[in-house]
C-alpha cells in the first residue's frame, strides 16, 4: 500500500457506497475497478499535483479525472461524505460544539483592485490613448 491510499478496512467501508461497476442494462463495458481510481483521486487531492502527474499505477489520468468529475456531478461524493459522517455521528464521534472556520486573510495587490501603475499619467482630454497619430493608416 502506498501513501494516501485506502487501507483494506477503509476500502471495505467505502466500496458499498460507490456506484455499481455494471451499467444497469445500458450498453458499454463495465467500469474499471474503482479502488485504484479512488486511490488516484486521493493521491491528487492530497499532493495537490496536476492530474497529468498522476502515477501510472492508478490508471490513465484522464480516466481518474473523468471518474472524479462524474461522481462530483452525480452526487456520489456527497452521498459518501454524508453516510460516513452520519455513521460517526451515530457513534457519538462528532463534537457538535466544535466549529472550525477558516480565518485566512490574503492581501491583494493594488493592481488586483484596478489601481493604476506608479508613474502612469492619465491621458490628456481629447487625445487618443496611443498618441496623436493612433489609428492613422
Protein backbone atom coordinates (compact mmCIF):
# COMPACT_ATOMS: atom_id res chain seq x y z
CA UNK A 1 0.00 0.00 0.00
CA UNK A 2 1.34 3.42 -0.98
CA UNK A 3 0.99 6.72 0.83
CA UNK A 4 -2.51 8.28 0.64
CA UNK A 5 -4.16 5.00 -0.36
CA UNK A 6 -7.11 3.48 1.47
CA UNK A 7 -6.39 0.55 3.77
CA UNK A 8 -8.38 -2.68 3.36
CA UNK A 9 -10.78 -1.81 6.24
CA UNK A 10 -11.29 1.70 4.85
CA UNK A 11 -11.95 0.30 1.38
CA UNK A 12 -14.39 -2.28 2.77
CA UNK A 13 -16.37 0.55 4.37
CA UNK A 14 -16.33 2.78 1.28
CA UNK A 15 -16.85 0.25 -1.53
CA UNK A 16 -20.59 -0.31 -0.92
CA UNK A 17 -21.17 3.45 -1.17
CA UNK A 18 -19.78 3.64 -4.72
CA UNK A 19 -21.85 3.14 -7.87
CA UNK A 20 -22.02 -0.38 -9.27
CA UNK A 21 -19.42 -1.26 -11.86
CA UNK A 22 -22.05 -2.59 -14.25
CA UNK A 23 -24.24 -0.26 -16.25
CA UNK A 24 -27.81 -1.05 -15.27
CA UNK A 25 -28.94 -2.64 -18.51
CA UNK A 26 -27.23 0.00 -20.61
CA UNK A 27 -24.68 -0.56 -23.34
CA UNK A 28 -20.98 -0.35 -22.61
CA UNK A 29 -18.32 -2.30 -20.82
CA UNK A 30 -18.16 -2.29 -17.02
CA UNK A 31 -16.26 0.48 -15.31
CA UNK A 32 -12.66 -0.19 -14.39
CA UNK A 33 -12.06 -1.34 -10.83
CA UNK A 34 -12.93 1.57 -8.55
CA UNK A 35 -10.19 1.07 -5.96
CA UNK A 36 -7.15 2.23 -7.98
CA UNK A 37 -9.16 5.14 -9.33
CA UNK A 38 -10.27 6.23 -5.85
CA UNK A 39 -6.68 5.91 -4.62
CA UNK A 40 -5.56 8.01 -7.60
CA UNK A 41 -8.13 10.67 -6.78
CA UNK A 42 -6.95 10.71 -3.16
CA UNK A 43 -3.33 10.96 -4.33
CA UNK A 44 -4.10 14.06 -6.43
CA UNK A 45 -6.17 15.68 -3.67
CA UNK A 46 -3.51 15.01 -1.01
CA UNK A 47 -0.50 16.09 -3.05
CA UNK A 48 -2.07 18.97 -4.94
CA UNK A 49 -0.31 17.73 -8.08
CA UNK A 50 -1.82 18.24 -11.53
CA UNK A 51 -3.92 15.36 -12.83
CA UNK A 52 -1.36 14.73 -15.59
CA UNK A 53 1.28 13.92 -12.94
CA UNK A 54 -0.77 11.02 -11.54
CA UNK A 55 1.41 7.89 -11.16
CA UNK A 56 0.65 5.19 -13.73
CA UNK A 57 -0.27 2.62 -11.06
CA UNK A 58 -3.65 4.38 -10.68
CA UNK A 59 -4.52 4.16 -14.36
CA UNK A 60 -4.71 6.80 -17.07
CA UNK A 61 -5.05 10.27 -15.58
CA UNK A 62 -7.90 11.02 -17.98
CA UNK A 63 -9.91 8.08 -16.61
CA UNK A 64 -9.27 9.04 -12.98
CA UNK A 65 -10.16 12.67 -13.67
CA UNK A 66 -13.31 11.71 -15.58
CA UNK A 67 -14.47 9.42 -12.74
CA UNK A 68 -13.80 12.14 -10.16
CA UNK A 69 -15.91 14.62 -12.15
CA UNK A 70 -18.68 12.11 -12.91
CA UNK A 71 -19.05 11.32 -9.22
CA UNK A 72 -18.95 15.01 -8.37
CA UNK A 73 -21.76 15.76 -10.83
CA UNK A 74 -23.98 12.81 -9.85
CA UNK A 75 -23.60 13.40 -6.09
CA UNK A 76 -21.59 10.27 -5.26
CA UNK A 77 -19.05 12.21 -3.19
CA UNK A 78 -21.82 13.94 -1.23
CA UNK A 79 -23.51 10.58 -0.53
CA UNK A 80 -20.20 9.07 0.67
CA UNK A 81 -19.40 12.01 2.95
CA UNK A 82 -22.94 12.09 4.33
CA UNK A 83 -23.01 8.34 5.02
CA UNK A 84 -19.63 8.35 6.76
CA UNK A 85 -20.44 11.45 8.82
CA UNK A 86 -23.83 10.01 9.82
CA UNK A 87 -22.10 6.82 10.95
CA UNK A 88 -19.63 8.81 13.07
CA UNK A 89 -22.45 10.91 14.49
CA UNK A 90 -24.45 7.79 15.43
CA UNK A 91 -21.43 6.54 17.37
CA UNK A 92 -21.01 9.91 19.11
CA UNK A 93 -17.67 10.61 17.41
CA UNK A 94 -18.57 14.11 16.17
CA UNK A 95 -18.29 17.07 18.54
CA UNK A 96 -21.11 19.43 17.60
CA UNK A 97 -19.70 22.11 19.92
CA UNK A 98 -16.52 22.45 17.86
CA UNK A 99 -16.71 24.71 14.81
CA UNK A 100 -13.67 25.43 12.67
CA UNK A 101 -13.79 28.49 10.47
CA UNK A 102 -11.02 29.48 8.10
CA UNK A 103 -9.83 32.93 9.08
CA UNK A 104 -7.15 33.29 6.42
CA UNK A 105 -6.70 36.77 5.05
CA UNK A 106 -4.62 37.29 1.95
CA UNK A 107 -3.98 40.85 0.93
CA UNK A 108 -4.44 41.51 -2.74
CA UNK A 109 -2.11 43.82 -4.59
CA UNK A 110 -3.32 47.25 -5.65
CA UNK A 111 -3.30 46.13 -9.25
CA UNK A 112 -5.79 43.38 -8.41
CA UNK A 113 -8.27 46.10 -7.45
CA UNK A 114 -7.69 48.01 -10.69
CA UNK A 115 -5.30 50.65 -9.33
CA UNK A 116 -3.12 52.49 -11.81
CA UNK A 117 0.57 51.61 -12.01
CA UNK A 118 3.08 54.00 -10.46
CA UNK A 119 4.15 56.73 -12.85
CA UNK A 120 1.17 56.20 -15.16
CA UNK A 121 -0.35 59.54 -16.20
CA UNK A 122 -3.97 59.93 -17.21
CA UNK A 123 -4.50 60.60 -20.94
CA UNK A 124 -4.99 64.23 -21.95
CA UNK A 125 -8.53 65.24 -22.76
CA UNK A 126 -9.38 64.75 -26.41
CA UNK A 127 -6.27 62.74 -27.22
CA UNK A 128 -6.25 59.15 -28.38
CA UNK A 129 -4.61 56.72 -25.91
CA UNK A 130 -1.87 55.86 -28.42
CA UNK A 131 -0.97 59.45 -29.29
CA UNK A 132 -1.99 61.96 -31.92
CA UNK A 133 -1.47 59.57 -34.83
CA UNK A 134 -3.06 56.49 -33.21
CA UNK A 135 -5.23 54.64 -35.65
CA UNK A 136 -3.95 56.57 -38.68
CA UNK A 137 -3.14 54.43 -41.68
